[in-house]
Amino acid sequence: MNKFWLALIGLVMSYGVSAANYTEGTEFIKIQKTVQNAPRVVEFFSFYCPHCYQFESVYHVSQTVRKNLPKDIKMERYHVDFLGPLGAELTKAWTVAIVLKVEDKVSPLLFEGIQKSGSINTPADIKAVFIKAGVKSEEYDAALDSFVVKSLVVKQQQAAKDFQLRGVPAMFVNGKYMVRNNGITVEDADHYAKTYSDVVNFLISK
């Protein structure tokens, strides 16, 4: 009997989570023009953006969203050019990280170097971060000059234009919804990230 009631309570709780409703204008907005062929979930950010730094190092939003996505959906993270003196160089470097699959290794180091220590001031400083993360110098240079990296840089730049991006961090779902960062209640870091993730999954199903 106890097992029955525990199972019933679990069912009700899981239904309550899956049935959560979020409101347009509060947790998300629908953008004016749908972006065709956009990634199902895409986040725009900049290593120069203090709020993006908080998103990653304090609230862990990107990591939580990515972890809780349906298995068949991948989140893309695009760097923007329009912030900071090395904005364009950091977009190229981030693209190298994507191609070499070292995003999780270099992202915290690049954020720290820009936001805290101030140790990143030249393209050589950016490259030094990759070497510190275990990427060989020649491997970094080859990737930086590769056609695939150049193409993906253009793709990120075009996506920012297509979404008429005005600021970061910004996360879009299905090419037509944007999560409102300030529309989600901040009780604590874990709650914010979990709710953010739930809103993204809610929008995926719309």
C-alpha atoms as a PDB file:
ATOM      1  CA  MET A   1       0.000   0.000   0.000  1.00  0.00           C
ATOM      2  CA  ASN A   2       2.819   2.406   0.903  1.00  0.00           C
ATOM      3  CA  LYS A   3       4.476   1.714  -2.434  1.00  0.00           C
ATOM      4  CA  PHE A   4       1.215   2.509  -4.209  1.00  0.00           C
ATOM      5  CA  TRP A   5       0.880   5.896  -2.524  1.00  0.00           C
ATOM      6  CA  LEU A   6       4.520   6.751  -3.140  1.00  0.00           C
ATOM      7  CA  ALA A   7       4.074   5.914  -6.806  1.00  0.00           C
ATOM      8  CA  LEU A   8       0.914   8.000  -6.983  1.00  0.00           C
ATOM      9  CA  ILE A   9       2.596  10.991  -5.333  1.00  0.00           C
ATOM     10  CA  GLY A  10       5.521  10.673  -7.744  1.00  0.00           C
ATOM     11  CA  LEU A  11       3.140  10.617 -10.698  1.00  0.00           C
ATOM     12  CA  VAL A  12       1.346  13.741  -9.521  1.00  0.00           C
ATOM     13  CA  MET A  13       4.616  15.584  -8.921  1.00  0.00           C
ATOM     14  CA  SER A  14       6.011  14.673 -12.345  1.00  0.00           C
ATOM     15  CA  TYR A  15       2.752  15.772 -13.971  1.00  0.00           C
ATOM     16  CA  GLY A  16       2.952  19.101 -12.153  1.00  0.00           C
ATOM     17  CA  VAL A  17       6.431  19.739 -13.559  1.00  0.00           C
ATOM     18  CA  SER A  18       5.569  18.736 -17.114  1.00  0.00           C
ATOM     19  CA  ALA A  19       2.337  20.697 -17.050  1.00  0.00           C
ATOM     20  CA  ALA A  20       4.015  23.944 -15.950  1.00  0.00           C
ATOM     21  CA  ASN A  21       2.876  26.869 -18.037  1.00  0.00           C
ATOM     22  CA  TYR A  22       4.884  29.970 -18.797  1.00  0.00           C
ATOM     23  CA  THR A  23       3.476  33.220 -20.079  1.00  0.00           C
ATOM     24  CA  GLU A  24       4.399  35.235 -23.148  1.00  0.00           C
ATOM     25  CA  GLY A  25       5.570  38.626 -21.993  1.00  0.00           C
ATOM     26  CA  THR A  26       6.742  37.272 -18.646  1.00  0.00           C
ATOM     27  CA  GLU A  27       9.178  34.369 -19.030  1.00  0.00           C
ATOM     28  CA  PHE A  28       9.509  34.683 -22.805  1.00  0.00           C
ATOM     29  CA  ILE A  29       8.557  36.774 -25.812  1.00  0.00           C
ATOM     30  CA  LYS A  30       7.783  35.882 -29.398  1.00  0.00           C
ATOM     31  CA  ILE A  31      10.038  37.808 -31.760  1.00  0.00           C
ATOM     32  CA  GLN A  32       8.510  39.732 -34.633  1.00  0.00           C
ATOM     33  CA  LYS A  33      10.025  37.692 -37.466  1.00  0.00           C
ATOM     34  CA  THR A  34      10.746  33.971 -37.234  1.00  0.00           C
ATOM     35  CA  VAL A  35      14.339  33.095 -38.200  1.00  0.00           C
ATOM     36  CA  GLN A  36      14.291  30.229 -40.654  1.00  0.00           C
ATOM     37  CA  ASN A  37      16.741  27.325 -40.318  1.00  0.00           C
ATOM     38  CA  ALA A  38      17.953  28.567 -36.928  1.00  0.00           C
ATOM     39  CA  PRO A  39      19.255  26.115 -34.316  1.00  0.00           C
ATOM     40  CA  ARG A  40      16.478  24.782 -32.097  1.00  0.00           C
ATOM     41  CA  VAL A  41      18.210  26.412 -29.130  1.00  0.00           C
ATOM     42  CA  VAL A  42      20.862  29.089 -29.553  1.00  0.00           C
ATOM     43  CA  GLU A  43      22.536  31.310 -26.982  1.00  0.00           C
ATOM     44  CA  PHE A  44      24.400  34.480 -27.925  1.00  0.00           C
ATOM     45  CA  PHE A  45      27.075  35.688 -25.525  1.00  0.00           C
ATOM     46  CA  SER A  46      30.303  37.642 -25.233  1.00  0.00           C
ATOM     47  CA  PHE A  47      33.328  37.120 -23.032  1.00  0.00           C
ATOM     48  CA  TYR A  48      33.223  40.894 -22.464  1.00  0.00           C
ATOM     49  CA  CYS A  49      29.682  40.737 -21.055  1.00  0.00           C
ATOM     50  CA  PRO A  50      29.522  40.729 -17.214  1.00  0.00           C
ATOM     51  CA  HIS A  51      26.015  39.237 -17.267  1.00  0.00           C
ATOM     52  CA  CYS A  52      27.216  36.437 -19.554  1.00  0.00           C
ATOM     53  CA  TYR A  53      29.978  35.766 -17.043  1.00  0.00           C
ATOM     54  CA  GLN A  54      27.365  35.500 -14.274  1.00  0.00           C
ATOM     55  CA  PHE A  55      25.244  33.226 -16.465  1.00  0.00           C
ATOM     56  CA  GLU A  56      28.144  30.814 -16.753  1.00  0.00           C
ATOM     57  CA  SER A  57      30.063  31.064 -13.492  1.00  0.00           C
ATOM     58  CA  VAL A  58      27.325  31.917 -10.965  1.00  0.00           C
ATOM     59  CA  TYR A  59      24.002  30.669 -12.331  1.00  0.00           C
ATOM     60  CA  HIS A  60      25.328  27.919 -14.646  1.00  0.00           C
ATOM     61  CA  VAL A  61      22.437  28.575 -17.021  1.00  0.00           C
ATOM     62  CA  SER A  62      24.066  27.308 -20.212  1.00  0.00           C
ATOM     63  CA  GLN A  63      25.247  24.091 -18.596  1.00  0.00           C
ATOM     64  CA  THR A  64      21.854  23.415 -17.010  1.00  0.00           C
ATOM     65  CA  VAL A  65      19.908  24.079 -20.204  1.00  0.00           C
ATOM     66  CA  ARG A  66      22.226  21.862 -22.224  1.00  0.00           C
ATOM     67  CA  LYS A  67      22.040  19.036 -19.663  1.00  0.00           C
ATOM     68  CA  ASN A  68      18.242  19.024 -19.607  1.00  0.00           C
ATOM     69  CA  LEU A  69      17.518  19.270 -23.327  1.00  0.00           C
ATOM     70  CA  PRO A  70      15.866  16.346 -25.119  1.00  0.00           C
ATOM     71  CA  LYS A  71      18.500  13.948 -26.419  1.00  0.00           C
ATOM     72  CA  ASP A  72      17.845  14.829 -30.057  1.00  0.00           C
ATOM     73  CA  ILE A  73      18.313  18.582 -29.571  1.00  0.00           C
ATOM     74  CA  LYS A  74      21.658  20.354 -29.308  1.00  0.00           C
ATOM     75  CA  MET A  75      22.184  23.861 -27.999  1.00  0.00           C
ATOM     76  CA  GLU A  76      24.448  26.130 -30.029  1.00  0.00           C
ATOM     77  CA  ARG A  77      26.428  28.929 -28.374  1.00  0.00           C
ATOM     78  CA  TYR A  78      27.417  31.847 -30.596  1.00  0.00           C
ATOM     79  CA  HIS A  79      29.877  34.585 -29.660  1.00  0.00           C
ATOM     80  CA  VAL A  80      29.171  38.155 -30.772  1.00  0.00           C
ATOM     81  CA  ASP A  81      31.603  40.668 -32.255  1.00  0.00           C
ATOM     82  CA  PHE A  82      30.108  43.915 -31.038  1.00  0.00           C
ATOM     83  CA  LEU A  83      31.562  44.066 -27.508  1.00  0.00           C
ATOM     84  CA  GLY A  84      35.158  44.782 -26.516  1.00  0.00           C
ATOM     85  CA  PRO A  85      38.359  45.539 -28.411  1.00  0.00           C
ATOM     86  CA  LEU A  86      38.993  41.843 -29.145  1.00  0.00           C
ATOM     87  CA  GLY A  87      35.371  40.958 -29.938  1.00  0.00           C
ATOM     88  CA  ALA A  88      36.109  39.703 -33.455  1.00  0.00           C
ATOM     89  CA  GLU A  89      39.215  37.794 -32.364  1.00  0.00           C
ATOM     90  CA  LEU A  90      37.294  36.125 -29.533  1.00  0.00           C
ATOM     91  CA  THR A  91      34.550  35.065 -31.953  1.00  0.00           C
ATOM     92  CA  LYS A  92      37.209  33.376 -34.080  1.00  0.00           C
ATOM     93  CA  ALA A  93      38.770  31.788 -31.012  1.00  0.00           C
ATOM     94  CA  TRP A  94      35.406  30.554 -29.758  1.00  0.00           C
ATOM     95  CA  THR A  95      34.803  29.018 -33.164  1.00  0.00           C
ATOM     96  CA  VAL A  96      38.150  27.239 -32.913  1.00  0.00           C
ATOM     97  CA  ALA A  97      37.006  25.916 -29.529  1.00  0.00           C
ATOM     98  CA  ILE A  98      33.801  24.590 -31.112  1.00  0.00           C
ATOM     99  CA  VAL A  99      35.673  22.881 -33.940  1.00  0.00           C
ATOM    100  CA  LEU A 100      38.277  21.371 -31.596  1.00  0.00           C
ATOM    101  CA  LYS A 101      35.565  20.491 -29.048  1.00  0.00           C
ATOM    102  CA  VAL A 102      37.283  22.254 -26.153  1.00  0.00           C
ATOM    103  CA  GLU A 103      34.520  24.773 -25.304  1.00  0.00           C
ATOM    104  CA  ASP A 104      34.177  23.612 -21.699  1.00  0.00           C
ATOM    105  CA  LYS A 105      37.935  23.872 -21.154  1.00  0.00           C
ATOM    106  CA  VAL A 106      38.556  27.326 -22.602  1.00  0.00           C
ATOM    107  CA  SER A 107      35.306  29.100 -21.753  1.00  0.00           C
ATOM    108  CA  PRO A 108      36.005  29.587 -18.010  1.00  0.00           C
ATOM    109  CA  LEU A 109      39.607  30.578 -18.764  1.00  0.00           C
ATOM    110  CA  LEU A 110      38.577  33.196 -21.335  1.00  0.00           C
ATOM    111  CA  PHE A 111      35.911  34.604 -19.022  1.00  0.00           C
ATOM    112  CA  GLU A 112      38.405  34.804 -16.155  1.00  0.00           C
ATOM    113  CA  GLY A 113      41.020  36.463 -18.347  1.00  0.00           C
ATOM    114  CA  ILE A 114      38.596  39.108 -19.591  1.00  0.00           C
ATOM    115  CA  GLN A 115      36.356  39.670 -16.571  1.00  0.00           C
ATOM    116  CA  LYS A 116      38.663  39.178 -13.570  1.00  0.00           C
ATOM    117  CA  SER A 117      42.402  39.082 -14.136  1.00  0.00           C
ATOM    118  CA  GLY A 118      42.555  41.362 -17.189  1.00  0.00           C
ATOM    119  CA  SER A 119      45.231  39.073 -18.593  1.00  0.00           C
ATOM    120  CA  ILE A 120      43.758  38.890 -22.113  1.00  0.00           C
ATOM    121  CA  ASN A 121      44.661  41.963 -24.138  1.00  0.00           C
ATOM    122  CA  THR A 122      46.027  40.609 -27.429  1.00  0.00           C
ATOM    123  CA  PRO A 123      45.351  37.748 -29.844  1.00  0.00           C
ATOM    124  CA  ALA A 124      48.501  36.106 -28.440  1.00  0.00           C
ATOM    125  CA  ASP A 125      46.931  36.137 -24.975  1.00  0.00           C
ATOM    126  CA  ILE A 126      43.879  34.348 -26.386  1.00  0.00           C
ATOM    127  CA  LYS A 127      46.068  31.708 -27.988  1.00  0.00           C
ATOM    128  CA  ALA A 128      47.909  31.242 -24.678  1.00  0.00           C
ATOM    129  CA  VAL A 129      44.596  30.278 -23.056  1.00  0.00           C
ATOM    130  CA  PHE A 130      44.138  27.472 -25.583  1.00  0.00           C
ATOM    131  CA  ILE A 131      47.663  26.233 -25.002  1.00  0.00           C
ATOM    132  CA  LYS A 132      47.004  26.259 -21.258  1.00  0.00           C
ATOM    133  CA  ALA A 133      43.875  24.181 -21.963  1.00  0.00           C
ATOM    134  CA  GLY A 134      45.975  21.547 -23.734  1.00  0.00           C
ATOM    135  CA  VAL A 135      45.675  22.634 -27.374  1.00  0.00           C
ATOM    136  CA  LYS A 136      48.951  22.561 -29.304  1.00  0.00           C
ATOM    137  CA  SER A 137      50.128  25.837 -30.825  1.00  0.00           C
ATOM    138  CA  GLU A 138      50.184  24.504 -34.371  1.00  0.00           C
ATOM    139  CA  GLU A 139      46.768  22.903 -33.927  1.00  0.00           C
ATOM    140  CA  TYR A 140      45.303  26.248 -32.857  1.00  0.00           C
ATOM    141  CA  ASP A 141      46.894  28.095 -35.783  1.00  0.00           C
ATOM    142  CA  ALA A 142      45.717  25.515 -38.306  1.00  0.00           C
ATOM    143  CA  ALA A 143      42.153  25.634 -36.999  1.00  0.00           C
ATOM    144  CA  LEU A 144      42.125  29.441 -36.883  1.00  0.00           C
ATOM    145  CA  ASP A 145      43.000  29.621 -40.572  1.00  0.00           C
ATOM    146  CA  SER A 146      40.730  26.768 -41.657  1.00  0.00           C
ATOM    147  CA  PHE A 147      37.760  27.088 -43.981  1.00  0.00           C
ATOM    148  CA  VAL A 148      35.421  25.449 -41.469  1.00  0.00           C
ATOM    149  CA  VAL A 149      36.239  28.030 -38.782  1.00  0.00           C
ATOM    150  CA  LYS A 150      35.883  30.947 -41.189  1.00  0.00           C
ATOM    151  CA  SER A 151      32.529  29.599 -42.366  1.00  0.00           C
ATOM    152  CA  LEU A 152      31.238  29.140 -38.820  1.00  0.00           C
ATOM    153  CA  VAL A 153      32.319  32.671 -37.889  1.00  0.00           C
ATOM    154  CA  VAL A 154      30.214  34.008 -40.764  1.00  0.00           C
ATOM    155  CA  LYS A 155      27.327  31.799 -39.646  1.00  0.00           C
ATOM    156  CA  GLN A 156      27.429  33.281 -36.137  1.00  0.00           C
ATOM    157  CA  GLN A 157      27.619  36.832 -37.463  1.00  0.00           C
ATOM    158  CA  GLN A 158      24.693  36.236 -39.806  1.00  0.00           C
ATOM    159  CA  ALA A 159      22.624  34.660 -37.036  1.00  0.00           C
ATOM    160  CA  ALA A 160      23.107  37.750 -34.861  1.00  0.00           C
ATOM    161  CA  LYS A 161      21.804  39.873 -37.751  1.00  0.00           C
ATOM    162  CA  ASP A 162      18.896  37.519 -38.464  1.00  0.00           C
ATOM    163  CA  PHE A 163      17.738  37.665 -34.831  1.00  0.00           C
ATOM    164  CA  GLN A 164      18.297  41.460 -34.817  1.00  0.00           C
ATOM    165  CA  LEU A 165      20.318  40.953 -31.676  1.00  0.00           C
ATOM    166  CA  ARG A 166      20.559  43.975 -29.388  1.00  0.00           C
ATOM    167  CA  GLY A 167      22.235  42.547 -26.306  1.00  0.00           C
ATOM    168  CA  VAL A 168      23.610  39.484 -24.566  1.00  0.00           C
ATOM    169  CA  PRO A 169      23.149  37.014 -23.011  1.00  0.00           C
ATOM    170  CA  ALA A 170      20.205  36.050 -25.179  1.00  0.00           C
ATOM    171  CA  MET A 171      18.703  32.615 -25.760  1.00  0.00           C
ATOM    172  CA  PHE A 172      16.311  31.822 -28.599  1.00  0.00           C
ATOM    173  CA  VAL A 173      14.196  28.728 -29.145  1.00  0.00           C
ATOM    174  CA  ASN A 174      12.732  27.394 -32.413  1.00  0.00           C
ATOM    175  CA  GLY A 175      13.818  30.568 -34.187  1.00  0.00           C
ATOM    176  CA  LYS A 176      10.889  32.536 -32.788  1.00  0.00           C
ATOM    177  CA  TYR A 177      10.974  32.724 -28.992  1.00  0.00           C
ATOM    178  CA  MET A 178      13.409  34.549 -26.728  1.00  0.00           C
ATOM    179  CA  VAL A 179      13.690  33.749 -23.031  1.00  0.00           C
ATOM    180  CA  ARG A 180      13.364  36.882 -20.884  1.00  0.00           C
ATOM    181  CA  ASN A 181      16.320  36.805 -18.518  1.00  0.00           C
ATOM    182  CA  ASN A 182      14.642  39.176 -16.069  1.00  0.00           C
ATOM    183  CA  GLY A 183      11.297  37.403 -16.346  1.00  0.00           C
ATOM    184  CA  ILE A 184      12.490  34.475 -14.252  1.00  0.00           C
ATOM    185  CA  THR A 185      12.422  34.783 -10.476  1.00  0.00           C
ATOM    186  CA  VAL A 186      15.820  34.569  -8.813  1.00  0.00           C
ATOM    187  CA  GLU A 187      15.402  32.654  -5.550  1.00  0.00           C
ATOM    188  CA  ASP A 188      18.901  31.219  -5.773  1.00  0.00           C
ATOM    189  CA  ALA A 189      21.316  30.219  -8.527  1.00  0.00           C
ATOM    190  CA  ASP A 190      20.104  26.631  -8.819  1.00  0.00           C
ATOM    191  CA  HIS A 191      16.437  27.631  -8.937  1.00  0.00           C
ATOM    192  CA  TYR A 192      17.102  30.262 -11.598  1.00  0.00           C
ATOM    193  CA  ALA A 193      19.025  27.847 -13.832  1.00  0.00           C
ATOM    194  CA  LYS A 194      16.458  25.075 -13.409  1.00  0.00           C
ATOM    195  CA  THR A 195      13.531  27.381 -14.159  1.00  0.00           C
ATOM    196  CA  TYR A 196      15.374  28.829 -17.155  1.00  0.00           C
ATOM    197  CA  SER A 197      15.907  25.297 -18.433  1.00  0.00           C
ATOM    198  CA  ASP A 198      12.236  24.457 -17.888  1.00  0.00           C
ATOM    199  CA  VAL A 199      11.186  27.525 -19.890  1.00  0.00           C
ATOM    200  CA  VAL A 200      13.440  26.470 -22.774  1.00  0.00           C
ATOM    201  CA  ASN A 201      11.961  22.964 -22.798  1.00  0.00           C
ATOM    202  CA  PHE A 202       8.461  24.430 -22.615  1.00  0.00           C
ATOM    203  CA  LEU A 203       9.201  26.566 -25.690  1.00  0.00           C
ATOM    204  CA  ILE A 204      10.716  23.644 -27.595  1.00  0.00           C
ATOM    205  CA  SER A 205       7.372  21.865 -27.370  1.00  0.00           C
ATOM    206  CA  LYS A 206       5.343  24.868 -28.577  1.00  0.00           C
END
